[in-house]
Amino acid sequence: MIKRKGKQLIRKLRPVPTNCPYCQKKVNPHFMDITGLKAYLTERGKIQGKDRTGLCSKHQRRVTGEIKRARFLSLLPFVS
């Protein structure tokens, strides 16, 4: 959300969870877990960044790879 205060733009950031759920459970993302991977997609089918998802860098890269693998196998759509 962006607000104007005089000539300055003030941007309010949404609070994002800082703990990676994969690190907490000590598991890795898998392409067959469709419901889990859909949580990291927007309604248009784009992959969200780690600042939005709250994943660590390692698991964000793995989630991205698993989403792409699931798309290739037609388990997830490329676009909605």
PDB file of N, CA and C in Angstrom:
ATOM      1  N   MET A   1       0.849  -1.163   0.000  1.00  0.00           N
ATOM      2  CA  MET A   1       0.000   0.000   0.000  1.00  0.00           C
ATOM      3  C   MET A   1       0.895   1.227   0.000  1.00  0.00           C
ATOM      4  N   ILE A   2       0.595   2.182  -0.868  1.00  0.00           N
ATOM      5  CA  ILE A   2       1.409   3.381  -0.992  1.00  0.00           C
ATOM      6  C   ILE A   2       0.553   4.585  -0.621  1.00  0.00           C
ATOM      7  N   LYS A   3       1.079   5.421   0.248  1.00  0.00           N
ATOM      8  CA  LYS A   3       0.398   6.654   0.637  1.00  0.00           C
ATOM      9  C   LYS A   3       1.283   7.833   0.291  1.00  0.00           C
ATOM     10  N   ARG A   4       0.665   8.962   0.071  1.00  0.00           N
ATOM     11  CA  ARG A   4       1.412  10.189  -0.197  1.00  0.00           C
ATOM     12  C   ARG A   4       1.440  11.045   1.056  1.00  0.00           C
ATOM     13  N   LYS A   5       2.612  11.570   1.357  1.00  0.00           N
ATOM     14  CA  LYS A   5       2.772  12.515   2.456  1.00  0.00           C
ATOM     15  C   LYS A   5       3.558  13.673   1.881  1.00  0.00           C
ATOM     16  N   GLY A   6       2.843  14.674   1.421  1.00  0.00           N
ATOM     17  CA  GLY A   6       3.509  15.772   0.744  1.00  0.00           C
ATOM     18  C   GLY A   6       4.028  15.295  -0.592  1.00  0.00           C
ATOM     19  N   LYS A   7       5.306  15.492  -0.832  1.00  0.00           N
ATOM     20  CA  LYS A   7       5.919  15.030  -2.069  1.00  0.00           C
ATOM     21  C   LYS A   7       6.544  13.644  -1.935  1.00  0.00           C
ATOM     22  N   GLN A   8       6.568  13.104  -0.719  1.00  0.00           N
ATOM     23  CA  GLN A   8       7.189  11.813  -0.485  1.00  0.00           C
ATOM     24  C   GLN A   8       6.159  10.698  -0.603  1.00  0.00           C
ATOM     25  N   LEU A   9       6.605   9.575  -1.081  1.00  0.00           N
ATOM     26  CA  LEU A   9       5.775   8.382  -1.106  1.00  0.00           C
ATOM     27  C   LEU A   9       6.147   7.521   0.089  1.00  0.00           C
ATOM     28  N   ILE A  10       5.149   7.089   0.819  1.00  0.00           N
ATOM     29  CA  ILE A  10       5.374   6.227   1.968  1.00  0.00           C
ATOM     30  C   ILE A  10       4.801   4.860   1.630  1.00  0.00           C
ATOM     31  N   ARG A  11       5.628   3.847   1.703  1.00  0.00           N
ATOM     32  CA  ARG A  11       5.213   2.494   1.360  1.00  0.00           C
ATOM     33  C   ARG A  11       5.121   1.667   2.632  1.00  0.00           C
ATOM     34  N   LYS A  12       3.954   1.089   2.867  1.00  0.00           N
ATOM     35  CA  LYS A  12       3.771   0.226   4.016  1.00  0.00           C
ATOM     36  C   LYS A  12       3.935  -1.214   3.555  1.00  0.00           C
ATOM     37  N   LEU A  13       4.848  -1.930   4.177  1.00  0.00           N
ATOM     38  CA  LEU A  13       5.083  -3.319   3.835  1.00  0.00           C
ATOM     39  C   LEU A  13       4.212  -4.225   4.696  1.00  0.00           C
ATOM     40  N   ARG A  14       3.767  -5.301   4.103  1.00  0.00           N
ATOM     41  CA  ARG A  14       2.969  -6.269   4.836  1.00  0.00           C
ATOM     42  C   ARG A  14       3.881  -7.101   5.723  1.00  0.00           C
ATOM     43  N   PRO A  15       3.423  -7.474   6.899  1.00  0.00           N
ATOM     44  CA  PRO A  15       4.255  -8.360   7.719  1.00  0.00           C
ATOM     45  C   PRO A  15       4.349  -9.733   7.080  1.00  0.00           C
ATOM     46  N   VAL A  16       5.562 -10.273   7.027  1.00  0.00           N
ATOM     47  CA  VAL A  16       5.824 -11.551   6.388  1.00  0.00           C
ATOM     48  C   VAL A  16       6.431 -12.475   7.422  1.00  0.00           C
ATOM     49  N   PRO A  17       6.016 -13.743   7.445  1.00  0.00           N
ATOM     50  CA  PRO A  17       6.656 -14.659   8.387  1.00  0.00           C
ATOM     51  C   PRO A  17       8.136 -14.818   8.054  1.00  0.00           C
ATOM     52  N   THR A  18       8.962 -14.820   9.078  1.00  0.00           N
ATOM     53  CA  THR A  18      10.400 -14.874   8.856  1.00  0.00           C
ATOM     54  C   THR A  18      10.959 -16.276   9.036  1.00  0.00           C
ATOM     55  N   ASN A  19      10.152 -17.197   9.517  1.00  0.00           N
ATOM     56  CA  ASN A  19      10.634 -18.552   9.737  1.00  0.00           C
ATOM     57  C   ASN A  19      10.247 -19.427   8.559  1.00  0.00           C
ATOM     58  N   CYS A  20      11.215 -20.129   8.034  1.00  0.00           N
ATOM     59  CA  CYS A  20      10.982 -21.012   6.893  1.00  0.00           C
ATOM     60  C   CYS A  20      10.269 -22.277   7.385  1.00  0.00           C
ATOM     61  N   PRO A  21       9.088 -22.603   6.834  1.00  0.00           N
ATOM     62  CA  PRO A  21       8.379 -23.814   7.291  1.00  0.00           C
ATOM     63  C   PRO A  21       9.121 -25.102   6.957  1.00  0.00           C
ATOM     64  N   TYR A  22       9.904 -25.101   5.884  1.00  0.00           N
ATOM     65  CA  TYR A  22      10.666 -26.296   5.536  1.00  0.00           C
ATOM     66  C   TYR A  22      11.823 -26.515   6.500  1.00  0.00           C
ATOM     67  N   CYS A  23      12.431 -25.433   6.977  1.00  0.00           N
ATOM     68  CA  CYS A  23      13.507 -25.563   7.967  1.00  0.00           C
ATOM     69  C   CYS A  23      12.951 -26.039   9.309  1.00  0.00           C
ATOM     70  N   GLN A  24      11.770 -25.558   9.663  1.00  0.00           N
ATOM     71  CA  GLN A  24      11.173 -25.963  10.934  1.00  0.00           C
ATOM     72  C   GLN A  24      10.811 -27.443  10.948  1.00  0.00           C
ATOM     73  N   LYS A  25      10.264 -27.941   9.822  1.00  0.00           N
ATOM     74  CA  LYS A  25       9.870 -29.350   9.741  1.00  0.00           C
ATOM     75  C   LYS A  25      11.019 -30.263   9.333  1.00  0.00           C
ATOM     76  N   LYS A  26      12.129 -29.661   8.879  1.00  0.00           N
ATOM     77  CA  LYS A  26      13.306 -30.397   8.404  1.00  0.00           C
ATOM     78  C   LYS A  26      12.951 -31.330   7.252  1.00  0.00           C
ATOM     79  N   VAL A  27      12.216 -30.784   6.274  1.00  0.00           N
ATOM     80  CA  VAL A  27      11.862 -31.511   5.054  1.00  0.00           C
ATOM     81  C   VAL A  27      12.219 -30.634   3.860  1.00  0.00           C
ATOM     82  N   ASN A  28      12.153 -31.208   2.676  1.00  0.00           N
ATOM     83  CA  ASN A  28      12.388 -30.473   1.448  1.00  0.00           C
ATOM     84  C   ASN A  28      11.120 -30.470   0.605  1.00  0.00           C
ATOM     85  N   PRO A  29      10.916 -29.441  -0.213  1.00  0.00           N
ATOM     86  CA  PRO A  29       9.729 -29.416  -1.077  1.00  0.00           C
ATOM     87  C   PRO A  29       9.809 -30.514  -2.133  1.00  0.00           C
ATOM     88  N   HIS A  30       8.650 -31.024  -2.525  1.00  0.00           N
ATOM     89  CA  HIS A  30       8.584 -32.081  -3.531  1.00  0.00           C
ATOM     90  C   HIS A  30       7.530 -31.711  -4.560  1.00  0.00           C
ATOM     91  N   PHE A  31       7.791 -32.052  -5.820  1.00  0.00           N
ATOM     92  CA  PHE A  31       6.901 -31.642  -6.897  1.00  0.00           C
ATOM     93  C   PHE A  31       5.538 -32.318  -6.839  1.00  0.00           C
ATOM     94  N   MET A  32       5.400 -33.425  -6.135  1.00  0.00           N
ATOM     95  CA  MET A  32       4.106 -34.100  -6.032  1.00  0.00           C
ATOM     96  C   MET A  32       3.200 -33.453  -4.982  1.00  0.00           C
ATOM     97  N   ASP A  33       3.744 -32.605  -4.138  1.00  0.00           N
ATOM     98  CA  ASP A  33       2.955 -31.904  -3.118  1.00  0.00           C
ATOM     99  C   ASP A  33       2.345 -30.656  -3.757  1.00  0.00           C
ATOM    100  N   ILE A  34       1.277 -30.848  -4.509  1.00  0.00           N
ATOM    101  CA  ILE A  34       0.689 -29.766  -5.295  1.00  0.00           C
ATOM    102  C   ILE A  34       0.076 -28.695  -4.396  1.00  0.00           C
ATOM    103  N   THR A  35      -0.622 -29.096  -3.353  1.00  0.00           N
ATOM    104  CA  THR A  35      -1.260 -28.105  -2.482  1.00  0.00           C
ATOM    105  C   THR A  35      -0.219 -27.261  -1.757  1.00  0.00           C
ATOM    106  N   GLY A  36       0.905 -27.878  -1.394  1.00  0.00           N
ATOM    107  CA  GLY A  36       1.971 -27.125  -0.741  1.00  0.00           C
ATOM    108  C   GLY A  36       2.636 -26.133  -1.677  1.00  0.00           C
ATOM    109  N   LEU A  37       2.806 -26.517  -2.930  1.00  0.00           N
ATOM    110  CA  LEU A  37       3.453 -25.629  -3.901  1.00  0.00           C
ATOM    111  C   LEU A  37       2.526 -24.505  -4.348  1.00  0.00           C
ATOM    112  N   LYS A  38       1.219 -24.756  -4.358  1.00  0.00           N
ATOM    113  CA  LYS A  38       0.274 -23.713  -4.773  1.00  0.00           C
ATOM    114  C   LYS A  38       0.279 -22.524  -3.813  1.00  0.00           C
ATOM    115  N   ALA A  39       0.737 -22.744  -2.592  1.00  0.00           N
ATOM    116  CA  ALA A  39       0.804 -21.654  -1.620  1.00  0.00           C
ATOM    117  C   ALA A  39       1.840 -20.609  -2.015  1.00  0.00           C
ATOM    118  N   TYR A  40       2.792 -20.996  -2.874  1.00  0.00           N
ATOM    119  CA  TYR A  40       3.862 -20.088  -3.278  1.00  0.00           C
ATOM    120  C   TYR A  40       3.641 -19.521  -4.670  1.00  0.00           C
ATOM    121  N   LEU A  41       2.426 -19.673  -5.203  1.00  0.00           N
ATOM    122  CA  LEU A  41       2.059 -19.103  -6.495  1.00  0.00           C
ATOM    123  C   LEU A  41       1.021 -18.010  -6.288  1.00  0.00           C
ATOM    124  N   THR A  42       1.026 -17.009  -7.169  1.00  0.00           N
ATOM    125  CA  THR A  42      -0.020 -16.005  -7.138  1.00  0.00           C
ATOM    126  C   THR A  42      -1.258 -16.567  -7.825  1.00  0.00           C
ATOM    127  N   GLU A  43      -2.339 -15.819  -7.817  1.00  0.00           N
ATOM    128  CA  GLU A  43      -3.563 -16.282  -8.468  1.00  0.00           C
ATOM    129  C   GLU A  43      -3.405 -16.353  -9.982  1.00  0.00           C
ATOM    130  N   ARG A  44      -2.407 -15.668 -10.522  1.00  0.00           N
ATOM    131  CA  ARG A  44      -2.138 -15.722 -11.961  1.00  0.00           C
ATOM    132  C   ARG A  44      -1.110 -16.789 -12.326  1.00  0.00           C
ATOM    133  N   GLY A  45      -0.542 -17.465 -11.332  1.00  0.00           N
ATOM    134  CA  GLY A  45       0.388 -18.552 -11.600  1.00  0.00           C
ATOM    135  C   GLY A  45       1.852 -18.173 -11.528  1.00  0.00           C
ATOM    136  N   LYS A  46       2.164 -16.961 -11.080  1.00  0.00           N
ATOM    137  CA  LYS A  46       3.562 -16.549 -10.959  1.00  0.00           C
ATOM    138  C   LYS A  46       4.138 -17.024  -9.626  1.00  0.00           C
ATOM    139  N   ILE A  47       5.433 -17.268  -9.618  1.00  0.00           N
ATOM    140  CA  ILE A  47       6.113 -17.694  -8.395  1.00  0.00           C
ATOM    141  C   ILE A  47       6.414 -16.458  -7.563  1.00  0.00           C
ATOM    142  N   GLN A  48       6.035 -16.497  -6.283  1.00  0.00           N
ATOM    143  CA  GLN A  48       6.275 -15.360  -5.408  1.00  0.00           C
ATOM    144  C   GLN A  48       7.720 -15.366  -4.932  1.00  0.00           C
ATOM    145  N   GLY A  49       8.230 -14.186  -4.617  1.00  0.00           N
ATOM    146  CA  GLY A  49       9.591 -14.050  -4.121  1.00  0.00           C
ATOM    147  C   GLY A  49       9.697 -14.430  -2.666  1.00  0.00           C
ATOM    148  N   LYS A  50      10.953 -14.583  -2.216  1.00  0.00           N
ATOM    149  CA  LYS A  50      11.149 -15.023  -0.836  1.00  0.00           C
ATOM    150  C   LYS A  50      10.808 -13.940   0.173  1.00  0.00           C
ATOM    151  N   ASP A  51      10.760 -12.682  -0.259  1.00  0.00           N
ATOM    152  CA  ASP A  51      10.334 -11.634   0.663  1.00  0.00           C
ATOM    153  C   ASP A  51       8.846 -11.725   0.939  1.00  0.00           C
ATOM    154  N   ARG A  52       8.085 -12.318   0.052  1.00  0.00           N
ATOM    155  CA  ARG A  52       6.650 -12.506   0.244  1.00  0.00           C
ATOM    156  C   ARG A  52       6.328 -13.826   0.936  1.00  0.00           C
ATOM    157  N   THR A  53       7.104 -14.871   0.631  1.00  0.00           N
ATOM    158  CA  THR A  53       6.776 -16.195   1.150  1.00  0.00           C
ATOM    159  C   THR A  53       7.360 -16.458   2.527  1.00  0.00           C
ATOM    160  N   GLY A  54       8.478 -15.824   2.862  1.00  0.00           N
ATOM    161  CA  GLY A  54       9.113 -16.054   4.151  1.00  0.00           C
ATOM    162  C   GLY A  54      10.031 -17.263   4.162  1.00  0.00           C
ATOM    163  N   LEU A  55      10.351 -17.806   2.981  1.00  0.00           N
ATOM    164  CA  LEU A  55      11.259 -18.950   2.903  1.00  0.00           C
ATOM    165  C   LEU A  55      12.702 -18.484   2.967  1.00  0.00           C
ATOM    166  N   CYS A  56      13.581 -19.388   3.381  1.00  0.00           N
ATOM    167  CA  CYS A  56      15.004 -19.081   3.331  1.00  0.00           C
ATOM    168  C   CYS A  56      15.476 -19.219   1.886  1.00  0.00           C
ATOM    169  N   SER A  57      16.682 -18.774   1.599  1.00  0.00           N
ATOM    170  CA  SER A  57      17.189 -18.770   0.226  1.00  0.00           C
ATOM    171  C   SER A  57      17.289 -20.176  -0.354  1.00  0.00           C
ATOM    172  N   LYS A  58      17.759 -21.106   0.455  1.00  0.00           N
ATOM    173  CA  LYS A  58      17.930 -22.481  -0.024  1.00  0.00           C
ATOM    174  C   LYS A  58      16.595 -23.095  -0.425  1.00  0.00           C
ATOM    175  N   HIS A  59      15.598 -22.944   0.431  1.00  0.00           N
ATOM    176  CA  HIS A  59      14.311 -23.555   0.138  1.00  0.00           C
ATOM    177  C   HIS A  59      13.520 -22.774  -0.914  1.00  0.00           C
ATOM    178  N   GLN A  60      13.768 -21.478  -1.045  1.00  0.00           N
ATOM    179  CA  GLN A  60      13.126 -20.728  -2.123  1.00  0.00           C
ATOM    180  C   GLN A  60      13.608 -21.234  -3.480  1.00  0.00           C
ATOM    181  N   ARG A  61      14.898 -21.495  -3.608  1.00  0.00           N
ATOM    182  CA  ARG A  61      15.427 -22.043  -4.861  1.00  0.00           C
ATOM    183  C   ARG A  61      14.858 -23.431  -5.140  1.00  0.00           C
ATOM    184  N   ARG A  62      14.737 -24.244  -4.110  1.00  0.00           N
ATOM    185  CA  ARG A  62      14.202 -25.595  -4.298  1.00  0.00           C
ATOM    186  C   ARG A  62      12.720 -25.564  -4.634  1.00  0.00           C
ATOM    187  N   VAL A  63      11.956 -24.679  -3.993  1.00  0.00           N
ATOM    188  CA  VAL A  63      10.529 -24.546  -4.307  1.00  0.00           C
ATOM    189  C   VAL A  63      10.358 -24.105  -5.751  1.00  0.00           C
ATOM    190  N   THR A  64      11.172 -23.162  -6.202  1.00  0.00           N
ATOM    191  CA  THR A  64      11.102 -22.697  -7.586  1.00  0.00           C
ATOM    192  C   THR A  64      11.374 -23.837  -8.551  1.00  0.00           C
ATOM    193  N   GLY A  65      12.381 -24.634  -8.270  1.00  0.00           N
ATOM    194  CA  GLY A  65      12.699 -25.766  -9.133  1.00  0.00           C
ATOM    195  C   GLY A  65      11.591 -26.813  -9.147  1.00  0.00           C
ATOM    196  N   GLU A  66      10.990 -27.071  -7.993  1.00  0.00           N
ATOM    197  CA  GLU A  66       9.920 -28.070  -7.914  1.00  0.00           C
ATOM    198  C   GLU A  66       8.650 -27.574  -8.599  1.00  0.00           C
ATOM    199  N   ILE A  67       8.374 -26.275  -8.523  1.00  0.00           N
ATOM    200  CA  ILE A  67       7.226 -25.724  -9.236  1.00  0.00           C
ATOM    201  C   ILE A  67       7.431 -25.865 -10.737  1.00  0.00           C
ATOM    202  N   LYS A  68       8.636 -25.574 -11.200  1.00  0.00           N
ATOM    203  CA  LYS A  68       8.920 -25.708 -12.631  1.00  0.00           C
ATOM    204  C   LYS A  68       8.837 -27.163 -13.080  1.00  0.00           C
ATOM    205  N   ARG A  69       9.281 -28.080 -12.245  1.00  0.00           N
ATOM    206  CA  ARG A  69       9.179 -29.504 -12.570  1.00  0.00           C
ATOM    207  C   ARG A  69       7.709 -29.935 -12.624  1.00  0.00           C
ATOM    208  N   ALA A  70       6.907 -29.473 -11.673  1.00  0.00           N
ATOM    209  CA  ALA A  70       5.486 -29.823 -11.660  1.00  0.00           C
ATOM    210  C   ALA A  70       4.763 -29.221 -12.863  1.00  0.00           C
ATOM    211  N   ARG A  71       5.165 -28.041 -13.292  1.00  0.00           N
ATOM    212  CA  ARG A  71       4.582 -27.448 -14.494  1.00  0.00           C
ATOM    213  C   ARG A  71       4.917 -28.274 -15.721  1.00  0.00           C
ATOM    214  N   PHE A  72       6.151 -28.735 -15.807  1.00  0.00           N
ATOM    215  CA  PHE A  72       6.579 -29.522 -16.958  1.00  0.00           C
ATOM    216  C   PHE A  72       5.815 -30.843 -17.041  1.00  0.00           C
ATOM    217  N   LEU A  73       5.493 -31.409 -15.898  1.00  0.00           N
ATOM    218  CA  LEU A  73       4.742 -32.673 -15.854  1.00  0.00           C
ATOM    219  C   LEU A  73       3.230 -32.467 -15.861  1.00  0.00           C
ATOM    220  N   SER A  74       2.787 -31.234 -16.080  1.00  0.00           N
ATOM    221  CA  SER A  74       1.364 -30.864 -16.171  1.00  0.00           C
ATOM    222  C   SER A  74       0.613 -31.073 -14.864  1.00  0.00           C
ATOM    223  N   LEU A  75       1.307 -30.982 -13.747  1.00  0.00           N
ATOM    224  CA  LEU A  75       0.629 -31.046 -12.459  1.00  0.00           C
ATOM    225  C   LEU A  75       0.170 -29.659 -12.011  1.00  0.00           C
ATOM    226  N   LEU A  76       0.879 -28.646 -12.462  1.00  0.00           N
ATOM    227  CA  LEU A  76       0.513 -27.250 -12.199  1.00  0.00           C
ATOM    228  C   LEU A  76       0.409 -26.519 -13.542  1.00  0.00           C
ATOM    229  N   PRO A  77      -0.475 -25.537 -13.640  1.00  0.00           N
ATOM    230  CA  PRO A  77      -0.569 -24.795 -14.900  1.00  0.00           C
ATOM    231  C   PRO A  77       0.546 -23.760 -15.011  1.00  0.00           C
ATOM    232  N   PHE A  78       0.933 -23.455 -16.253  1.00  0.00           N
ATOM    233  CA  PHE A  78       1.897 -22.384 -16.477  1.00  0.00           C
ATOM    234  C   PHE A  78       1.258 -21.033 -16.203  1.00  0.00           C
ATOM    235  N   VAL A  79       0.024 -20.849 -16.670  1.00  0.00           N
ATOM    236  CA  VAL A  79      -0.745 -19.623 -16.422  1.00  0.00           C
ATOM    237  C   VAL A  79      -2.142 -20.020 -16.001  1.00  0.00           C
ATOM    238  N   SER A  80      -2.793 -19.132 -15.282  1.00  0.00           N
ATOM    239  CA  SER A  80      -4.163 -19.411 -14.843  1.00  0.00           C
ATOM    240  C   SER A  80      -5.156 -18.775 -15.780  1.00  0.00           C
TER     241      SER A  80
END
